[in-house]
All heavy atoms as atom14 arrays in JSON, in Angstrom:
{
  "sequence": "TSPRVTATQEGLAVFAELMSGAIDIARLKRISLRILALDMAL",
  "atom14_mask": [
    [1, 1, 1, 1, 1, 1, 1, 0, 0, 0, 0, 0, 0, 0],
    [1, 1, 1, 1, 1, 1, 0, 0, 0, 0, 0, 0, 0, 0],
    [1, 1, 1, 1, 1, 1, 1, 0, 0, 0, 0, 0, 0, 0],
    [1, 1, 1, 1, 1, 1, 1, 1, 1, 1, 1, 0, 0, 0],
    [1, 1, 1, 1, 1, 1, 1, 0, 0, 0, 0, 0, 0, 0],
    [1, 1, 1, 1, 1, 1, 1, 0, 0, 0, 0, 0, 0, 0],
    [1, 1, 1, 1, 1, 0, 0, 0, 0, 0, 0, 0, 0, 0],
    [1, 1, 1, 1, 1, 1, 1, 0, 0, 0, 0, 0, 0, 0],
    [1, 1, 1, 1, 1, 1, 1, 1, 1, 0, 0, 0, 0, 0],
    [1, 1, 1, 1, 1, 1, 1, 1, 1, 0, 0, 0, 0, 0],
    [1, 1, 1, 1, 0, 0, 0, 0, 0, 0, 0, 0, 0, 0],
    [1, 1, 1, 1, 1, 1, 1, 1, 0, 0, 0, 0, 0, 0],
    [1, 1, 1, 1, 1, 0, 0, 0, 0, 0, 0, 0, 0, 0],
    [1, 1, 1, 1, 1, 1, 1, 0, 0, 0, 0, 0, 0, 0],
    [1, 1, 1, 1, 1, 1, 1, 1, 1, 1, 1, 0, 0, 0],
    [1, 1, 1, 1, 1, 0, 0, 0, 0, 0, 0, 0, 0, 0],
    [1, 1, 1, 1, 1, 1, 1, 1, 1, 0, 0, 0, 0, 0],
    [1, 1, 1, 1, 1, 1, 1, 1, 0, 0, 0, 0, 0, 0],
    [1, 1, 1, 1, 1, 1, 1, 1, 0, 0, 0, 0, 0, 0],
    [1, 1, 1, 1, 1, 1, 0, 0, 0, 0, 0, 0, 0, 0],
    [1, 1, 1, 1, 0, 0, 0, 0, 0, 0, 0, 0, 0, 0],
    [1, 1, 1, 1, 1, 0, 0, 0, 0, 0, 0, 0, 0, 0],
    [1, 1, 1, 1, 1, 1, 1, 1, 0, 0, 0, 0, 0, 0],
    [1, 1, 1, 1, 1, 1, 1, 1, 0, 0, 0, 0, 0, 0],
    [1, 1, 1, 1, 1, 1, 1, 1, 0, 0, 0, 0, 0, 0],
    [1, 1, 1, 1, 1, 0, 0, 0, 0, 0, 0, 0, 0, 0],
    [1, 1, 1, 1, 1, 1, 1, 1, 1, 1, 1, 0, 0, 0],
    [1, 1, 1, 1, 1, 1, 1, 1, 0, 0, 0, 0, 0, 0],
    [1, 1, 1, 1, 1, 1, 1, 1, 1, 0, 0, 0, 0, 0],
    [1, 1, 1, 1, 1, 1, 1, 1, 1, 1, 1, 0, 0, 0],
    [1, 1, 1, 1, 1, 1, 1, 1, 0, 0, 0, 0, 0, 0],
    [1, 1, 1, 1, 1, 1, 0, 0, 0, 0, 0, 0, 0, 0],
    [1, 1, 1, 1, 1, 1, 1, 1, 0, 0, 0, 0, 0, 0],
    [1, 1, 1, 1, 1, 1, 1, 1, 1, 1, 1, 0, 0, 0],
    [1, 1, 1, 1, 1, 1, 1, 1, 0, 0, 0, 0, 0, 0],
    [1, 1, 1, 1, 1, 1, 1, 1, 0, 0, 0, 0, 0, 0],
    [1, 1, 1, 1, 1, 0, 0, 0, 0, 0, 0, 0, 0, 0],
    [1, 1, 1, 1, 1, 1, 1, 1, 0, 0, 0, 0, 0, 0],
    [1, 1, 1, 1, 1, 1, 1, 1, 0, 0, 0, 0, 0, 0],
    [1, 1, 1, 1, 1, 1, 1, 1, 0, 0, 0, 0, 0, 0],
    [1, 1, 1, 1, 1, 0, 0, 0, 0, 0, 0, 0, 0, 0],
    [1, 1, 1, 1, 1, 1, 1, 1, 0, 0, 0, 0, 0, 0]
  ],
  "atom14_positions": [
    [[16.44, -4.57, 0.25], [15.22, -4.66, -0.56], [15.56, -4.51, -2.03], [15.73, -3.41, -2.54], [14.21, -3.57, -0.16], [13.96, -3.64, 1.24], [12.9, -3.74, -0.91], [0.0, 0.0, 0.0], [0.0, 0.0, 0.0], [0.0, 0.0, 0.0], [0.0, 0.0, 0.0], [0.0, 0.0, 0.0], [0.0, 0.0, 0.0], [0.0, 0.0, 0.0]],
    [[15.7, -5.64, -2.72], [15.91, -5.58, -4.16], [14.59, -5.19, -4.82], [13.51, -5.39, -4.24], [16.38, -6.93, -4.69], [15.38, -7.91, -4.55], [0.0, 0.0, 0.0], [0.0, 0.0, 0.0], [0.0, 0.0, 0.0], [0.0, 0.0, 0.0], [0.0, 0.0, 0.0], [0.0, 0.0, 0.0], [0.0, 0.0, 0.0], [0.0, 0.0, 0.0]],
    [[14.62, -4.64, -6.03], [13.37, -4.22, -6.68], [12.33, -5.32, -6.78], [11.14, -5.07, -6.66], [13.85, -3.75, -8.06], [15.26, -3.32, -7.84], [15.82, -4.26, -6.82], [0.0, 0.0, 0.0], [0.0, 0.0, 0.0], [0.0, 0.0, 0.0], [0.0, 0.0, 0.0], [0.0, 0.0, 0.0], [0.0, 0.0, 0.0], [0.0, 0.0, 0.0]],
    [[12.76, -6.56, -6.97], [11.81, -7.65, -7.18], [11.04, -8.03, -5.91], [10.0, -8.69, -5.99], [12.52, -8.89, -7.74], [13.55, -9.49, -6.81], [14.23, -10.69, -7.46], [13.36, -11.85, -7.47], [13.34, -12.79, -6.54], [14.14, -12.69, -5.48], [12.54, -13.82, -6.63], [0.0, 0.0, 0.0], [0.0, 0.0, 0.0], [0.0, 0.0, 0.0]],
    [[11.53, -7.62, -4.74], [10.84, -7.97, -3.51], [10.03, -6.8, -2.95], [9.41, -6.93, -1.89], [11.82, -8.47, -2.41], [12.68, -9.6, -2.94], [12.68, -7.35, -1.87], [0.0, 0.0, 0.0], [0.0, 0.0, 0.0], [0.0, 0.0, 0.0], [0.0, 0.0, 0.0], [0.0, 0.0, 0.0], [0.0, 0.0, 0.0], [0.0, 0.0, 0.0]],
    [[10.01, -5.68, -3.67], [9.33, -4.49, -3.16], [7.85, -4.75, -2.91], [7.31, -4.33, -1.87], [9.49, -3.31, -4.15], [10.89, -3.07, -4.37], [8.84, -2.05, -3.61], [0.0, 0.0, 0.0], [0.0, 0.0, 0.0], [0.0, 0.0, 0.0], [0.0, 0.0, 0.0], [0.0, 0.0, 0.0], [0.0, 0.0, 0.0], [0.0, 0.0, 0.0]],
    [[7.18, -5.42, -3.82], [5.74, -5.66, -3.66], [5.46, -6.48, -2.4], [4.53, -6.17, -1.64], [5.18, -6.35, -4.9], [0.0, 0.0, 0.0], [0.0, 0.0, 0.0], [0.0, 0.0, 0.0], [0.0, 0.0, 0.0], [0.0, 0.0, 0.0], [0.0, 0.0, 0.0], [0.0, 0.0, 0.0], [0.0, 0.0, 0.0], [0.0, 0.0, 0.0]],
    [[6.25, -7.53, -2.17], [6.03, -8.35, -0.98], [6.37, -7.57, 0.28], [5.64, -7.64, 1.28], [6.87, -9.64, -1.04], [6.48, -10.39, -2.2], [6.66, -10.48, 0.2], [0.0, 0.0, 0.0], [0.0, 0.0, 0.0], [0.0, 0.0, 0.0], [0.0, 0.0, 0.0], [0.0, 0.0, 0.0], [0.0, 0.0, 0.0], [0.0, 0.0, 0.0]],
    [[7.47, -6.82, 0.26], [7.86, -6.04, 1.44], [6.79, -5.02, 1.81], [6.38, -4.91, 2.97], [9.19, -5.33, 1.19], [10.38, -6.1, 1.65], [10.52, -6.17, 3.16], [10.69, -5.16, 3.83], [10.48, -7.37, 3.71], [0.0, 0.0, 0.0], [0.0, 0.0, 0.0], [0.0, 0.0, 0.0], [0.0, 0.0, 0.0], [0.0, 0.0, 0.0]],
    [[6.32, -4.26, 0.82], [5.32, -3.23, 1.12], [3.97, -3.87, 1.44], [3.23, -3.39, 2.3], [5.19, -2.26, -0.06], [6.46, -1.46, -0.36], [6.92, -0.58, 0.8], [6.2, -0.45, 1.81], [8.03, -0.02, 0.7], [0.0, 0.0, 0.0], [0.0, 0.0, 0.0], [0.0, 0.0, 0.0], [0.0, 0.0, 0.0], [0.0, 0.0, 0.0]],
    [[3.64, -4.96, 0.74], [2.4, -5.66, 1.04], [2.41, -6.23, 2.44], [1.42, -6.16, 3.18], [0.0, 0.0, 0.0], [0.0, 0.0, 0.0], [0.0, 0.0, 0.0], [0.0, 0.0, 0.0], [0.0, 0.0, 0.0], [0.0, 0.0, 0.0], [0.0, 0.0, 0.0], [0.0, 0.0, 0.0], [0.0, 0.0, 0.0], [0.0, 0.0, 0.0]],
    [[3.55, -6.79, 2.85], [3.69, -7.34, 4.2], [3.59, -6.22, 5.24], [3.0, -6.4, 6.31], [5.03, -8.07, 4.33], [5.32, -8.79, 5.65], [4.28, -9.86, 5.93], [6.73, -9.4, 5.6], [0.0, 0.0, 0.0], [0.0, 0.0, 0.0], [0.0, 0.0, 0.0], [0.0, 0.0, 0.0], [0.0, 0.0, 0.0], [0.0, 0.0, 0.0]],
    [[4.16, -5.06, 4.92], [4.13, -3.94, 5.86], [2.71, -3.41, 6.05], [2.31, -3.1, 7.18], [5.06, -2.82, 5.37], [0.0, 0.0, 0.0], [0.0, 0.0, 0.0], [0.0, 0.0, 0.0], [0.0, 0.0, 0.0], [0.0, 0.0, 0.0], [0.0, 0.0, 0.0], [0.0, 0.0, 0.0], [0.0, 0.0, 0.0], [0.0, 0.0, 0.0]],
    [[1.96, -3.31, 4.98], [0.56, -2.86, 5.1], [-0.27, -3.94, 5.78], [-1.17, -3.65, 6.58], [-0.02, -2.48, 3.73], [-1.48, -2.05, 3.86], [0.78, -1.35, 3.09], [0.0, 0.0, 0.0], [0.0, 0.0, 0.0], [0.0, 0.0, 0.0], [0.0, 0.0, 0.0], [0.0, 0.0, 0.0], [0.0, 0.0, 0.0], [0.0, 0.0, 0.0]],
    [[0.02, -5.21, 5.47], [-0.67, -6.32, 6.14], [-0.41, -6.27, 7.65], [-1.3, -6.56, 8.46], [-0.19, -7.66, 5.56], [-0.87, -8.86, 6.15], [-2.15, -9.21, 5.77], [-0.21, -9.66, 7.07], [-2.78, -10.34, 6.31], [-0.81, -10.79, 7.62], [-2.1, -11.12, 7.24], [0.0, 0.0, 0.0], [0.0, 0.0, 0.0], [0.0, 0.0, 0.0]],
    [[0.8, -5.89, 8.04], [1.13, -5.76, 9.45], [0.27, -4.68, 10.1], [-0.17, -4.83, 11.25], [2.61, -5.42, 9.61], [0.0, 0.0, 0.0], [0.0, 0.0, 0.0], [0.0, 0.0, 0.0], [0.0, 0.0, 0.0], [0.0, 0.0, 0.0], [0.0, 0.0, 0.0], [0.0, 0.0, 0.0], [0.0, 0.0, 0.0], [0.0, 0.0, 0.0]],
    [[0.03, -3.6, 9.38], [-0.87, -2.56, 9.89], [-2.27, -3.14, 10.11], [-2.93, -2.87, 11.12], [-0.95, -1.39, 8.9], [0.35, -0.64, 8.68], [0.16, 0.46, 7.65], [-0.91, 1.1, 7.63], [1.09, 0.69, 6.84], [0.0, 0.0, 0.0], [0.0, 0.0, 0.0], [0.0, 0.0, 0.0], [0.0, 0.0, 0.0], [0.0, 0.0, 0.0]],
    [[-2.7, -3.94, 9.15], [-4.03, -4.54, 9.22], [-4.14, -5.49, 10.42], [-5.11, -5.43, 11.18], [-4.32, -5.29, 7.92], [-5.72, -5.86, 7.7], [-6.74, -4.76, 7.6], [-5.75, -6.73, 6.45], [0.0, 0.0, 0.0], [0.0, 0.0, 0.0], [0.0, 0.0, 0.0], [0.0, 0.0, 0.0], [0.0, 0.0, 0.0], [0.0, 0.0, 0.0]],
    [[-3.17, -6.36, 10.6], [-3.22, -7.36, 11.66], [-3.06, -6.74, 13.05], [-3.55, -7.29, 14.04], [-2.12, -8.41, 11.45], [-2.38, -9.36, 10.29], [-3.84, -10.42, 10.54], [-5.04, -9.59, 9.5], [0.0, 0.0, 0.0], [0.0, 0.0, 0.0], [0.0, 0.0, 0.0], [0.0, 0.0, 0.0], [0.0, 0.0, 0.0], [0.0, 0.0, 0.0]],
    [[-2.37, -5.63, 13.14], [-2.12, -4.99, 14.43], [-3.15, -3.93, 14.77], [-3.06, -3.29, 15.82], [-0.72, -4.38, 14.46], [-0.59, -3.4, 13.45], [0.0, 0.0, 0.0], [0.0, 0.0, 0.0], [0.0, 0.0, 0.0], [0.0, 0.0, 0.0], [0.0, 0.0, 0.0], [0.0, 0.0, 0.0], [0.0, 0.0, 0.0], [0.0, 0.0, 0.0]],
    [[-4.13, -3.73, 13.88], [-5.15, -2.72, 14.11], [-4.65, -1.31, 13.92], [-5.23, -0.35, 14.44], [0.0, 0.0, 0.0], [0.0, 0.0, 0.0], [0.0, 0.0, 0.0], [0.0, 0.0, 0.0], [0.0, 0.0, 0.0], [0.0, 0.0, 0.0], [0.0, 0.0, 0.0], [0.0, 0.0, 0.0], [0.0, 0.0, 0.0], [0.0, 0.0, 0.0]],
    [[-3.56, -1.15, 13.16], [-2.96, 0.17, 12.97], [-3.4, 0.85, 11.68], [-2.92, 1.92, 11.36], [-1.44, 0.06, 13.0], [0.0, 0.0, 0.0], [0.0, 0.0, 0.0], [0.0, 0.0, 0.0], [0.0, 0.0, 0.0], [0.0, 0.0, 0.0], [0.0, 0.0, 0.0], [0.0, 0.0, 0.0], [0.0, 0.0, 0.0], [0.0, 0.0, 0.0]],
    [[-4.31, 0.22, 10.94], [-4.74, 0.79, 9.67], [-6.18, 1.26, 9.8], [-6.97, 0.7, 10.56], [-4.6, -0.23, 8.52], [-4.57, 0.48, 7.16], [-5.71, -1.28, 8.57], [-4.14, -0.43, 6.03], [0.0, 0.0, 0.0], [0.0, 0.0, 0.0], [0.0, 0.0, 0.0], [0.0, 0.0, 0.0], [0.0, 0.0, 0.0], [0.0, 0.0, 0.0]],
    [[-6.52, 2.32, 9.07], [-7.91, 2.79, 9.04], [-8.32, 2.93, 7.58], [-7.5, 2.81, 6.66], [-8.07, 4.09, 9.82], [-7.23, 5.23, 9.23], [-6.39, 4.96, 8.35], [-7.42, 6.37, 9.66], [0.0, 0.0, 0.0], [0.0, 0.0, 0.0], [0.0, 0.0, 0.0], [0.0, 0.0, 0.0], [0.0, 0.0, 0.0], [0.0, 0.0, 0.0]],
    [[-9.59, 3.17, 7.35], [-10.1, 3.24, 5.98], [-9.5, 4.42, 5.23], [-9.31, 4.37, 4.01], [-11.65, 3.3, 5.97], [-12.19, 3.07, 4.55], [-12.16, 4.6, 6.55], [-11.95, 1.68, 4.0], [0.0, 0.0, 0.0], [0.0, 0.0, 0.0], [0.0, 0.0, 0.0], [0.0, 0.0, 0.0], [0.0, 0.0, 0.0], [0.0, 0.0, 0.0]],
    [[-9.15, 5.49, 5.96], [-8.53, 6.65, 5.31], [-7.16, 6.27, 4.74], [-6.76, 6.75, 3.69], [-8.41, 7.8, 6.29], [0.0, 0.0, 0.0], [0.0, 0.0, 0.0], [0.0, 0.0, 0.0], [0.0, 0.0, 0.0], [0.0, 0.0, 0.0], [0.0, 0.0, 0.0], [0.0, 0.0, 0.0], [0.0, 0.0, 0.0], [0.0, 0.0, 0.0]],
    [[-6.43, 5.42, 5.45], [-5.13, 4.94, 4.98], [-5.3, 4.12, 3.71], [-4.57, 4.29, 2.72], [-4.47, 4.11, 6.07], [-3.28, 3.26, 5.63], [-2.04, 4.06, 5.46], [-0.86, 3.2, 5.44], [0.25, 3.47, 4.8], [0.37, 4.6, 4.12], [1.28, 2.65, 4.83], [0.0, 0.0, 0.0], [0.0, 0.0, 0.0], [0.0, 0.0, 0.0]],
    [[-6.3, 3.22, 3.68], [-6.57, 2.46, 2.47], [-6.97, 3.37, 1.32], [-6.62, 3.13, 0.16], [-7.67, 1.43, 2.73], [-7.26, 0.18, 3.51], [-8.48, -0.67, 3.84], [-6.24, -0.64, 2.73], [0.0, 0.0, 0.0], [0.0, 0.0, 0.0], [0.0, 0.0, 0.0], [0.0, 0.0, 0.0], [0.0, 0.0, 0.0], [0.0, 0.0, 0.0]],
    [[-7.68, 4.45, 1.64], [-8.06, 5.4, 0.6], [-6.83, 6.08, 0.03], [-6.71, 6.23, -1.2], [-9.04, 6.43, 1.14], [-9.48, 7.46, 0.08], [-10.47, 8.47, 0.64], [-10.89, 9.47, -0.44], [-11.87, 10.46, 0.07], [0.0, 0.0, 0.0], [0.0, 0.0, 0.0], [0.0, 0.0, 0.0], [0.0, 0.0, 0.0], [0.0, 0.0, 0.0]],
    [[-5.9, 6.5, 0.88], [-4.69, 7.17, 0.39], [-3.89, 6.26, -0.53], [-3.41, 6.68, -1.58], [-3.82, 7.62, 1.57], [-4.36, 8.81, 2.33], [-3.3, 9.41, 3.24], [-2.83, 8.49, 4.25], [-3.41, 8.31, 5.43], [-4.52, 8.99, 5.73], [-2.92, 7.47, 6.31], [0.0, 0.0, 0.0], [0.0, 0.0, 0.0], [0.0, 0.0, 0.0]],
    [[-3.74, 4.99, -0.12], [-3.02, 4.03, -0.95], [-3.72, 3.85, -2.29], [-3.08, 3.79, -3.35], [-2.91, 2.68, -0.21], [-2.0, 2.81, 1.01], [-2.4, 1.59, -1.14], [-2.03, 1.6, 1.92], [0.0, 0.0, 0.0], [0.0, 0.0, 0.0], [0.0, 0.0, 0.0], [0.0, 0.0, 0.0], [0.0, 0.0, 0.0], [0.0, 0.0, 0.0]],
    [[-5.04, 3.78, -2.25], [-5.82, 3.55, -3.46], [-5.81, 4.76, -4.39], [-5.75, 4.62, -5.62], [-7.26, 3.19, -3.09], [-7.3, 2.0, -2.31], [0.0, 0.0, 0.0], [0.0, 0.0, 0.0], [0.0, 0.0, 0.0], [0.0, 0.0, 0.0], [0.0, 0.0, 0.0], [0.0, 0.0, 0.0], [0.0, 0.0, 0.0], [0.0, 0.0, 0.0]],
    [[-5.86, 5.95, -3.82], [-5.82, 7.17, -4.63], [-4.53, 7.26, -5.44], [-4.52, 7.74, -6.58], [-5.96, 8.41, -3.74], [-7.35, 8.72, -3.2], [-7.3, 9.91, -2.25], [-8.34, 8.99, -4.33], [0.0, 0.0, 0.0], [0.0, 0.0, 0.0], [0.0, 0.0, 0.0], [0.0, 0.0, 0.0], [0.0, 0.0, 0.0], [0.0, 0.0, 0.0]],
    [[-3.44, 6.79, -4.86], [-2.17, 6.83, -5.59], [-2.22, 5.94, -6.83], [-1.64, 6.27, -7.86], [-1.03, 6.37, -4.67], [-0.75, 7.31, -3.51], [0.26, 6.69, -2.56], [0.4, 7.44, -1.32], [1.05, 7.0, -0.26], [1.63, 5.8, -0.29], [1.14, 7.75, 0.83], [0.0, 0.0, 0.0], [0.0, 0.0, 0.0], [0.0, 0.0, 0.0]],
    [[-2.92, 4.81, -6.73], [-3.05, 3.92, -7.88], [-3.91, 4.57, -8.96], [-3.58, 4.52, -10.16], [-3.64, 2.57, -7.44], [-2.65, 1.85, -6.51], [-3.99, 1.69, -8.64], [-3.21, 0.65, -5.81], [0.0, 0.0, 0.0], [0.0, 0.0, 0.0], [0.0, 0.0, 0.0], [0.0, 0.0, 0.0], [0.0, 0.0, 0.0], [0.0, 0.0, 0.0]],
    [[-5.0, 5.2, -8.54], [-5.84, 5.9, -9.51], [-5.07, 7.05, -10.15], [-5.22, 7.32, -11.35], [-7.1, 6.42, -8.82], [-8.0, 5.36, -8.16], [-9.24, 6.01, -7.55], [-8.41, 4.3, -9.17], [0.0, 0.0, 0.0], [0.0, 0.0, 0.0], [0.0, 0.0, 0.0], [0.0, 0.0, 0.0], [0.0, 0.0, 0.0], [0.0, 0.0, 0.0]],
    [[-4.23, 7.73, -9.38], [-3.44, 8.83, -9.92], [-2.38, 8.31, -10.89], [-2.1, 8.95, -11.92], [-2.78, 9.6, -8.79], [0.0, 0.0, 0.0], [0.0, 0.0, 0.0], [0.0, 0.0, 0.0], [0.0, 0.0, 0.0], [0.0, 0.0, 0.0], [0.0, 0.0, 0.0], [0.0, 0.0, 0.0], [0.0, 0.0, 0.0], [0.0, 0.0, 0.0]],
    [[-1.79, 7.16, -10.59], [-0.85, 6.53, -11.52], [-1.52, 6.27, -12.86], [-0.95, 6.54, -13.93], [-0.34, 5.21, -10.95], [0.88, 5.21, -10.05], [1.11, 3.82, -9.47], [2.11, 5.66, -10.82], [0.0, 0.0, 0.0], [0.0, 0.0, 0.0], [0.0, 0.0, 0.0], [0.0, 0.0, 0.0], [0.0, 0.0, 0.0], [0.0, 0.0, 0.0]],
    [[-2.73, 5.74, -12.79], [-3.48, 5.46, -14.02], [-3.76, 6.73, -14.8], [-3.65, 6.76, -16.02], [-4.79, 4.74, -13.66], [-5.51, 4.2, -14.88], [-4.92, 3.36, -15.59], [-6.66, 4.62, -15.13], [0.0, 0.0, 0.0], [0.0, 0.0, 0.0], [0.0, 0.0, 0.0], [0.0, 0.0, 0.0], [0.0, 0.0, 0.0], [0.0, 0.0, 0.0]],
    [[-4.1, 7.8, -14.09], [-4.33, 9.1, -14.73], [-3.08, 9.57, -15.46], [-3.13, 10.01, -16.61], [-4.74, 10.15, -13.69], [-6.13, 9.99, -13.13], [-6.43, 11.23, -11.82], [-6.22, 12.77, -12.73], [0.0, 0.0, 0.0], [0.0, 0.0, 0.0], [0.0, 0.0, 0.0], [0.0, 0.0, 0.0], [0.0, 0.0, 0.0], [0.0, 0.0, 0.0]],
    [[-1.94, 9.51, -14.77], [-0.69, 9.99, -15.36], [-0.3, 9.17, -16.58], [0.1, 9.72, -17.61], [0.42, 9.94, -14.31], [0.0, 0.0, 0.0], [0.0, 0.0, 0.0], [0.0, 0.0, 0.0], [0.0, 0.0, 0.0], [0.0, 0.0, 0.0], [0.0, 0.0, 0.0], [0.0, 0.0, 0.0], [0.0, 0.0, 0.0], [0.0, 0.0, 0.0]],
    [[-0.43, 7.85, -16.48], [-0.1, 6.99, -17.61], [-1.0, 7.26, -18.81], [-0.61, 7.03, -19.96], [-0.19, 5.52, -17.21], [0.88, 5.02, -16.24], [0.55, 3.61, -15.73], [2.26, 5.03, -16.9], [0.0, 0.0, 0.0], [0.0, 0.0, 0.0], [0.0, 0.0, 0.0], [0.0, 0.0, 0.0], [0.0, 0.0, 0.0], [0.0, 0.0, 0.0]]
  ]
}
């Protein structure tokens, strides 16, 4: 995993959760909270 492919790799992995029914809204919330926290820190 080179740095430039990280977004696709992680996006594909979360998409796999979505397609396999392995994701829930709480998981999407955790992912989203990290983005809001990044914005806070910046």
